[in-house]
Each structure stands twice: as structure tokens, then as C-alpha cells.
Amino acid sequence: MTRVVIRAAGGPRRGFGHLVRCAWLARVLEADAVVSVRGGDTAARVARRLGHRVVEGPAADVLQRTHPDLVLVDDPDGRAAERWCRAARRRRTPVASVHDLGLGRCRSDLQIDGSIEPIRPEKGSRALRGPRYAVLDPALARLRSLRLSETEPRVLIALGGGARAGLAWRLGRRIARQLPDVEVRVAGGFVDRQRSAPEPNLRWLPPANGLGRELARTTVAVLAGGVTLYEACCLGVPVVALAVVPAQRPTIRAFAARGAAIDAGTSRTAGRAVELVLGLMHDARRRRAIGRRARAQVDGRGVWRVAAALSRLAAGGRGSWRHGD
């Protein structure tokens, strides 16, 4: 069995998407994988909840103890990612890195960027680029085939944890009041506490390893510009997209330019998101059009494509991915 060391970042402010993505990859790889977490005790607890075996210590020590066939780095901090790339190279262990819009690029043997408009890779690195290589929940492929029609009208709001969860809850209350016959569900991330709903049609969702099943039953979603946006597009869910950090603006603009989502701006213009949701809930034709265009962007098979490339890299060593191949 392939031995893999994963280095991933996470935390209440950064979110836990990198850890979730690595859990999906490890599952598909069927590898003997351990994860080193950058993000403190909370991130380590979430990693264990996701099923990761957590290992601690500096890069060189972890690699010395585990003797991996492959190192996988998923960290948006380029300097932190590069330290693990250097440690892997010193041991002549192949290293792959996962990125969003080129963030955290390092001199790995294989760079993976499933962004809708990925940045060019570092010079001399081989790359898998574009939404064909977006690493998403493996369950989406089956859910995609089952999402044929809408059932009960439902709105899902998922903007992340912390202050973002508070924003999502406030939006949910406004939408629930204006759409009393629609169930409004708010996902607050891994570390936010249950909130009491002031409206009978508003519900706070408990922590979950993925939102695929929720999205598959959603009529309209309000999402940020992260992995969940790609998941929704894969399933053909019409999305009102709201950037909660500046780095999400390029992704949202790119999906909106393709007619695959509606750009609601930033958290400063969150009130506009409510208006857009209300409009979509009363316009089935527009919802179907957005859903069709969204499905055309992301097919949900990226996790298997990436896992196959990682398996080849681990089996062949660094020489199998020489620069220029």
C-alpha cells in the first residue's frame, strides 16, 4: 500500500476545506496516509474528526519517521508549503501540491490547481490545471446523476465558520421571513455552536464532512467562493455567490461570467444576496438555465483523475515526472 504524508492547513479563520479535500483524496487513493496539520489544536481535532491520522513534528522529523512514497502539500501559504517541498526533495521523495488560483505555489514535482481559471504553474513543474482536476467529494458523482428535479423548495446558506457563520445566519433569518413556505438551512462549519431558530422554517445544520447531500436537495444556494461553490455547480444547483474574503472574487467572477452562478459581490453587499435569492425562487426558468451552465463547468470526476496521477507519481518516484515530461 502506498504510504503518503499529507501536509494541510486549517483553522477557524482559514476554514477546514484543505483538510476536507485531503480526506477525500486519501479515501480515493486507498493509501496508508497520515496528516501533519498547520493550524493548532482545533485544526488537529477537526482533522481527526474527518478520519485523518494526525502526526506532529517538523517536516524532516515526520518524513524520517514515516518513510513515505509520496508527500502531498495543501497549504495556501507558499513559504510554509515550500518548507515541506524542500524536506521531501532532500529525501528524494516525490511531492505534489494542491492549490486554489495558484495560492501557496511551491517547487513540487506535480502542481494541482482545479480552479475555474487557474494560475500558471511554477516554472519547471508539471501541472494538472482547470476544473477537470477540482478535488471534490467522491459522492458527488452519484448525487449528480440523481439530481433530476426539485422537490420541496429549499435554500441553503454556507459561507464558512466563525464570523461568516454569523453572516449566514443573519441572511437566513431575512430570507426565512420573506419566504415562509421555503425551508432555509444554514451550515455553520465545524466549530460553531447550534443556534436557536427564531423562524419556524429556519434550521441550523450540525457539522458535516461535506455538503453534497444537502446541496442535492437544494433549490437555491448562497455560497462563498470556495470548494462548496464547485460542488454546487457539479450538481447543477443555482448559486448566489458572495465573497467573504478578497481571494474569492476571481473565482466568483469567473463562474458568473460563464452564467454558472450569480455574483452578489462581497459581505458588504450581503443584502443584495437576499434580493437575488428571492428573485431566483420565483423564476424556475432562470434556475434551470443557471443549473445547466453550472453542470457544464464541473463534472465531479476530478478526485479520481488527481488520485490516478498521484498514484503514478508515487509508484514511479520523482524520475517519472521529470521537468519537461
Protein backbone atom coordinates (compact mmCIF):
# COMPACT_ATOMS: atom_id res chain seq x y z
CA MET A 1 0.00 0.00 0.00
CA THR A 2 1.24 3.48 -0.89
CA ARG A 3 2.47 5.48 2.11
CA VAL A 4 1.52 9.16 1.93
CA VAL A 5 2.29 12.09 4.21
CA ILE A 6 -0.15 14.97 3.83
CA ARG A 7 0.62 18.48 4.99
CA ALA A 8 -2.53 20.61 5.15
CA ALA A 9 -3.57 23.92 6.69
CA GLY A 10 -6.76 24.62 8.61
CA GLY A 11 -8.27 26.71 11.36
CA PRO A 12 -11.35 28.64 12.48
CA ARG A 13 -10.41 31.72 10.42
CA ARG A 14 -8.92 29.93 7.42
CA GLY A 15 -11.55 27.21 7.36
CA PHE A 16 -11.08 23.48 7.02
CA GLY A 17 -11.52 23.00 3.29
CA HIS A 18 -7.92 21.91 2.78
CA LEU A 19 -8.28 19.15 5.37
CA VAL A 20 -11.59 18.01 3.89
CA ARG A 21 -10.12 17.93 0.38
CA CYS A 22 -7.18 15.85 1.54
CA ALA A 23 -9.52 13.42 3.30
CA TRP A 24 -11.36 12.86 0.02
CA LEU A 25 -8.09 12.27 -1.83
CA ALA A 26 -6.80 9.86 0.81
CA ARG A 27 -10.06 7.91 0.60
CA VAL A 28 -9.89 7.52 -3.17
CA LEU A 29 -6.17 6.74 -3.11
CA GLU A 30 -6.79 3.97 -0.55
CA ALA A 31 -3.36 4.89 0.81
CA ASP A 32 -1.71 4.48 4.19
CA ALA A 33 -1.91 8.21 4.89
CA VAL A 34 -1.02 10.44 7.85
CA VAL A 35 -1.57 14.18 8.02
CA SER A 36 0.52 16.95 9.53
CA VAL A 37 -1.70 19.93 10.33
CA ARG A 38 -0.72 23.59 10.30
CA GLY A 39 -3.33 25.39 12.37
CA GLY A 40 -3.16 24.39 16.02
CA ASP A 41 -5.20 22.14 18.28
CA THR A 42 -8.60 23.00 16.79
CA ALA A 43 -7.44 22.09 13.30
CA ALA A 44 -5.94 18.84 14.60
CA ARG A 45 -9.25 17.92 16.28
CA VAL A 46 -11.16 18.58 13.06
CA ALA A 47 -8.61 16.50 11.13
CA ARG A 48 -9.23 13.54 13.44
CA ARG A 49 -12.99 14.02 13.10
CA LEU A 50 -12.50 13.76 9.34
CA GLY A 51 -10.74 10.43 9.79
CA HIS A 52 -7.15 11.60 9.40
CA ARG A 53 -4.35 10.05 11.45
CA VAL A 54 -2.53 13.12 12.75
CA VAL A 55 1.25 13.19 13.11
CA GLU A 56 3.19 16.01 14.77
CA GLY A 57 6.66 17.46 14.35
CA PRO A 58 8.81 19.36 11.84
CA ALA A 59 8.84 18.21 8.21
CA ALA A 60 12.21 16.47 8.36
CA ASP A 61 11.29 14.54 11.52
CA VAL A 62 7.89 13.45 10.16
CA LEU A 63 9.40 12.20 6.92
CA GLN A 64 12.20 10.42 8.78
CA ARG A 65 9.68 8.55 10.94
CA THR A 66 7.16 7.67 8.22
CA HIS A 67 9.32 6.95 5.11
CA PRO A 68 6.54 7.95 2.68
CA ASP A 69 6.31 7.11 -1.02
CA LEU A 70 4.69 10.50 -1.63
CA VAL A 71 4.29 13.86 0.10
CA LEU A 72 1.12 15.86 -0.62
CA VAL A 73 1.00 19.54 0.41
CA ASP A 74 -2.24 21.54 0.57
CA ASP A 75 -1.39 24.88 2.16
CA PRO A 76 -2.15 28.38 0.78
CA ASP A 77 0.96 29.81 2.48
CA GLY A 78 3.72 29.49 -0.10
CA ARG A 79 6.58 29.69 2.41
CA ALA A 80 5.06 27.01 4.62
CA ALA A 81 4.42 24.79 1.61
CA GLU A 82 7.93 25.27 0.30
CA ARG A 83 9.48 24.02 3.57
CA TRP A 84 7.76 20.67 3.06
CA CYS A 85 8.73 20.56 -0.60
CA ARG A 86 12.38 21.08 0.33
CA ALA A 87 12.23 18.39 3.01
CA ALA A 88 10.76 15.93 0.50
CA ARG A 89 13.35 16.76 -2.15
CA ARG A 90 16.20 16.22 0.30
CA ARG A 91 14.89 12.67 0.81
CA ARG A 92 14.29 12.27 -2.94
CA THR A 93 10.60 11.67 -2.21
CA PRO A 94 8.16 12.83 -4.89
CA VAL A 95 5.99 15.72 -3.76
CA ALA A 96 2.70 17.03 -5.13
CA SER A 97 0.92 20.25 -4.13
CA VAL A 98 -2.71 21.32 -4.33
CA HIS A 99 -3.63 24.96 -4.96
CA ASP A 100 -6.51 27.36 -5.50
CA LEU A 101 -5.84 30.11 -8.03
CA GLY A 102 -2.13 29.45 -7.62
CA LEU A 103 -2.03 30.31 -3.91
CA GLY A 104 0.73 28.56 -1.98
CA ARG A 105 2.70 27.55 -5.07
CA CYS A 106 5.92 25.74 -4.32
CA ARG A 107 8.52 23.79 -6.29
CA SER A 108 6.73 20.47 -6.23
CA ASP A 109 7.00 17.72 -8.83
CA LEU A 110 3.31 17.99 -9.62
CA GLN A 111 1.07 21.02 -9.07
CA ILE A 112 -2.70 20.51 -8.98
CA ASP A 113 -4.98 23.51 -9.41
CA GLY A 114 -8.63 22.73 -10.11
CA SER A 115 -9.65 26.38 -10.21
CA ILE A 116 -12.06 27.60 -12.86
CA GLU A 117 -9.27 29.92 -14.06
CA PRO A 118 -6.02 28.50 -12.63
CA ILE A 119 -2.79 30.44 -12.47
CA ARG A 120 0.17 29.15 -14.49
CA PRO A 121 2.32 26.70 -12.50
CA GLU A 122 5.81 27.38 -11.23
CA LYS A 123 8.43 27.09 -13.95
CA GLY A 124 9.76 23.54 -14.23
CA SER A 125 6.79 21.88 -12.53
CA ARG A 126 4.27 19.62 -14.18
CA ALA A 127 0.67 20.63 -13.56
CA LEU A 128 -2.93 19.46 -13.70
CA ARG A 129 -4.98 22.59 -14.26
CA GLY A 130 -8.64 23.50 -14.54
CA PRO A 131 -11.94 22.20 -13.12
CA ARG A 132 -11.37 18.73 -14.60
CA TYR A 133 -8.98 18.38 -11.65
CA ALA A 134 -11.12 20.01 -8.96
CA VAL A 135 -10.90 17.71 -5.93
CA LEU A 136 -14.46 17.27 -4.68
CA ASP A 137 -16.43 14.80 -2.58
CA PRO A 138 -16.43 11.41 -4.38
CA ALA A 139 -20.13 11.05 -3.52
CA LEU A 140 -20.97 13.90 -5.90
CA ALA A 141 -20.63 11.72 -8.98
CA ARG A 142 -23.58 9.59 -7.81
CA LEU A 143 -25.56 12.55 -6.48
CA ARG A 144 -25.09 14.33 -9.80
CA SER A 145 -26.88 11.54 -11.63
CA LEU A 146 -29.74 11.55 -9.11
CA ARG A 147 -30.45 15.28 -9.12
CA LEU A 148 -33.11 15.28 -11.81
CA SER A 149 -35.80 17.53 -10.39
CA GLU A 150 -36.57 19.75 -7.44
CA THR A 151 -38.77 18.53 -4.60
CA GLU A 152 -39.61 20.77 -1.65
CA PRO A 153 -38.36 24.35 -2.07
CA ARG A 154 -35.22 24.81 -0.01
CA VAL A 155 -32.47 27.40 0.40
CA LEU A 156 -29.01 26.50 1.71
CA ILE A 157 -26.61 29.14 3.05
CA ALA A 158 -22.99 28.13 3.68
CA LEU A 159 -20.32 30.82 4.00
CA GLY A 160 -17.91 29.14 6.43
CA GLY A 161 -17.42 29.26 10.18
CA GLY A 162 -16.82 31.99 12.73
CA ALA A 163 -17.99 35.47 11.77
CA ARG A 164 -19.01 34.11 8.37
CA ALA A 165 -21.46 31.73 10.05
CA GLY A 166 -22.97 34.71 11.83
CA LEU A 167 -23.44 36.48 8.50
CA ALA A 168 -25.02 33.34 7.01
CA TRP A 169 -27.44 33.13 9.95
CA ARG A 170 -28.50 36.76 9.54
CA LEU A 171 -29.11 36.22 5.84
CA GLY A 172 -31.04 33.06 6.63
CA ARG A 173 -33.35 34.90 9.01
CA ARG A 174 -34.12 37.56 6.41
CA ILE A 175 -34.83 35.01 3.70
CA ALA A 176 -36.92 32.80 6.00
CA ARG A 177 -39.13 35.73 6.96
CA GLN A 178 -39.77 36.66 3.36
CA LEU A 179 -40.26 33.08 2.16
CA PRO A 180 -42.31 31.44 4.92
CA ASP A 181 -43.15 28.41 2.75
CA VAL A 182 -39.48 27.69 1.97
CA GLU A 183 -37.15 25.77 4.29
CA VAL A 184 -33.96 27.76 4.89
CA ARG A 185 -30.93 25.82 6.16
CA VAL A 186 -27.68 27.35 7.39
CA ALA A 187 -24.38 25.45 7.59
CA GLY A 188 -22.04 26.97 10.15
CA GLY A 189 -18.86 24.95 9.76
CA PHE A 190 -17.08 22.56 12.10
CA VAL A 191 -16.68 24.64 15.26
CA ASP A 192 -19.75 26.88 15.51
CA ARG A 193 -22.38 26.12 18.11
CA GLN A 194 -26.01 25.30 17.45
CA ARG A 195 -28.21 28.39 17.17
CA SER A 196 -31.86 28.62 18.09
CA ALA A 197 -34.04 29.48 15.10
CA PRO A 198 -36.39 32.45 15.51
CA GLU A 199 -38.36 31.37 12.42
CA PRO A 200 -40.17 28.02 12.08
CA ASN A 201 -38.73 27.45 8.59
CA LEU A 202 -35.10 28.21 9.57
CA ARG A 203 -32.71 25.46 10.63
CA TRP A 204 -29.09 25.36 11.78
CA LEU A 205 -27.22 22.36 10.37
CA PRO A 206 -24.79 20.34 12.52
CA PRO A 207 -21.15 19.94 11.40
CA ALA A 208 -20.69 17.62 8.43
CA ASN A 209 -17.74 16.34 6.39
CA GLY A 210 -19.37 17.60 3.21
CA LEU A 211 -22.48 19.33 1.97
CA GLY A 212 -23.10 17.20 -1.11
CA ARG A 213 -26.31 15.62 0.17
CA GLU A 214 -27.64 18.99 1.34
CA LEU A 215 -26.83 20.58 -1.99
CA ALA A 216 -28.53 17.77 -3.91
CA ARG A 217 -31.81 18.71 -2.21
CA THR A 218 -31.36 22.48 -2.53
CA THR A 219 -33.32 24.79 -4.81
CA VAL A 220 -31.03 27.83 -4.45
CA ALA A 221 -27.76 28.14 -2.50
CA VAL A 222 -25.93 31.15 -1.09
CA LEU A 223 -22.25 30.24 -1.03
CA ALA A 224 -18.80 31.76 -0.80
CA GLY A 225 -16.14 31.26 -3.45
CA GLY A 226 -14.59 28.05 -2.12
CA VAL A 227 -14.92 24.32 -2.70
CA THR A 228 -18.67 24.28 -1.97
CA LEU A 229 -19.25 26.53 -4.98
CA TYR A 230 -17.63 23.89 -7.21
CA GLU A 231 -19.74 21.18 -5.57
CA ALA A 232 -22.93 23.11 -6.21
CA CYS A 233 -22.00 23.67 -9.85
CA CYS A 234 -21.27 19.97 -10.26
CA LEU A 235 -24.80 19.21 -9.07
CA GLY A 236 -26.42 21.96 -11.11
CA VAL A 237 -27.57 23.99 -8.10
CA PRO A 238 -28.22 27.67 -8.87
CA VAL A 239 -25.87 29.70 -6.66
CA VAL A 240 -25.86 33.26 -5.41
CA ALA A 241 -22.16 33.70 -4.67
CA LEU A 242 -20.85 36.05 -2.01
CA ALA A 243 -17.12 36.62 -1.49
CA VAL A 244 -16.28 36.61 2.21
CA VAL A 245 -12.55 37.17 1.55
CA PRO A 246 -10.97 39.10 -1.37
CA ALA A 247 -9.25 35.97 -2.74
CA GLN A 248 -12.66 34.53 -3.64
CA ARG A 249 -13.58 37.32 -6.03
CA PRO A 250 -11.77 35.90 -9.12
CA THR A 251 -13.50 32.51 -8.75
CA ILE A 252 -16.94 34.04 -8.34
CA ARG A 253 -16.44 36.39 -11.25
CA ALA A 254 -15.29 33.51 -13.46
CA PHE A 255 -18.35 31.36 -12.70
CA ALA A 256 -20.66 34.37 -13.13
CA ALA A 257 -19.06 35.25 -16.48
CA ARG A 258 -20.00 31.75 -17.69
CA GLY A 259 -23.57 32.15 -16.47
CA ALA A 260 -22.96 29.38 -13.92
CA ALA A 261 -23.62 31.50 -10.80
CA ILE A 262 -24.84 34.95 -9.81
CA ASP A 263 -22.30 37.37 -8.38
CA ALA A 264 -23.66 39.06 -5.24
CA GLY A 265 -20.45 40.97 -4.51
CA THR A 266 -18.89 40.86 -1.05
CA SER A 267 -20.08 40.65 2.53
CA ARG A 268 -20.54 44.44 2.40
CA THR A 269 -23.28 43.93 -0.20
CA ALA A 270 -24.85 40.91 1.50
CA GLY A 271 -28.30 42.49 1.36
CA ARG A 272 -28.18 42.12 -2.41
CA ALA A 273 -27.81 38.35 -1.95
CA VAL A 274 -31.23 38.25 -0.25
CA GLU A 275 -32.84 40.05 -3.17
CA LEU A 276 -31.21 37.72 -5.68
CA VAL A 277 -32.36 34.63 -3.78
CA LEU A 278 -35.94 35.92 -3.68
CA GLY A 279 -35.83 36.56 -7.42
CA LEU A 280 -34.49 33.09 -8.21
CA MET A 281 -37.01 31.35 -6.01
CA HIS A 282 -39.75 32.89 -8.15
CA ASP A 283 -38.08 32.16 -11.51
CA ALA A 284 -37.82 28.42 -12.22
CA ARG A 285 -36.77 29.00 -15.82
CA ARG A 286 -33.74 31.05 -14.79
CA ARG A 287 -32.82 28.50 -12.12
CA ARG A 288 -32.79 25.71 -14.70
CA ALA A 289 -30.66 27.76 -17.10
CA ILE A 290 -28.06 28.55 -14.44
CA GLY A 291 -28.04 24.91 -13.30
CA ARG A 292 -27.37 23.62 -16.82
CA ARG A 293 -24.48 26.02 -17.35
CA ALA A 294 -23.08 25.20 -13.91
CA ARG A 295 -23.07 21.44 -14.56
CA ALA A 296 -21.17 22.04 -17.80
CA GLN A 297 -18.25 23.57 -15.86
CA VAL A 298 -17.56 20.84 -13.27
CA ASP A 299 -18.15 17.11 -13.78
CA GLY A 300 -17.14 15.93 -10.28
CA ARG A 301 -14.62 13.34 -11.51
CA GLY A 302 -11.53 15.37 -10.65
CA VAL A 303 -10.75 13.50 -7.44
CA TRP A 304 -10.25 10.27 -9.41
CA ARG A 305 -8.11 11.97 -12.06
CA VAL A 306 -5.90 13.53 -9.41
CA ALA A 307 -5.67 10.29 -7.41
CA ALA A 308 -4.55 8.40 -10.53
CA ALA A 309 -1.82 10.98 -11.17
CA LEU A 310 -0.67 10.79 -7.55
CA SER A 311 -0.51 7.01 -7.72
CA ARG A 312 1.69 7.19 -10.81
CA LEU A 313 3.92 9.76 -9.15
CA ALA A 314 4.31 7.64 -6.01
CA ALA A 315 4.97 4.45 -7.97
CA GLY A 316 7.50 5.96 -10.34
CA GLY A 317 9.26 8.33 -7.99
CA ARG A 318 10.47 11.77 -8.94
CA GLY A 319 12.06 10.50 -12.11
CA SER A 320 8.69 9.63 -13.61
CA TRP A 321 7.71 13.31 -13.58
CA ARG A 322 10.96 14.92 -14.72
CA HIS A 323 10.74 18.55 -15.69
CA GLY A 324 9.70 18.87 -19.29
CA ASP A 325 7.92 15.48 -19.49
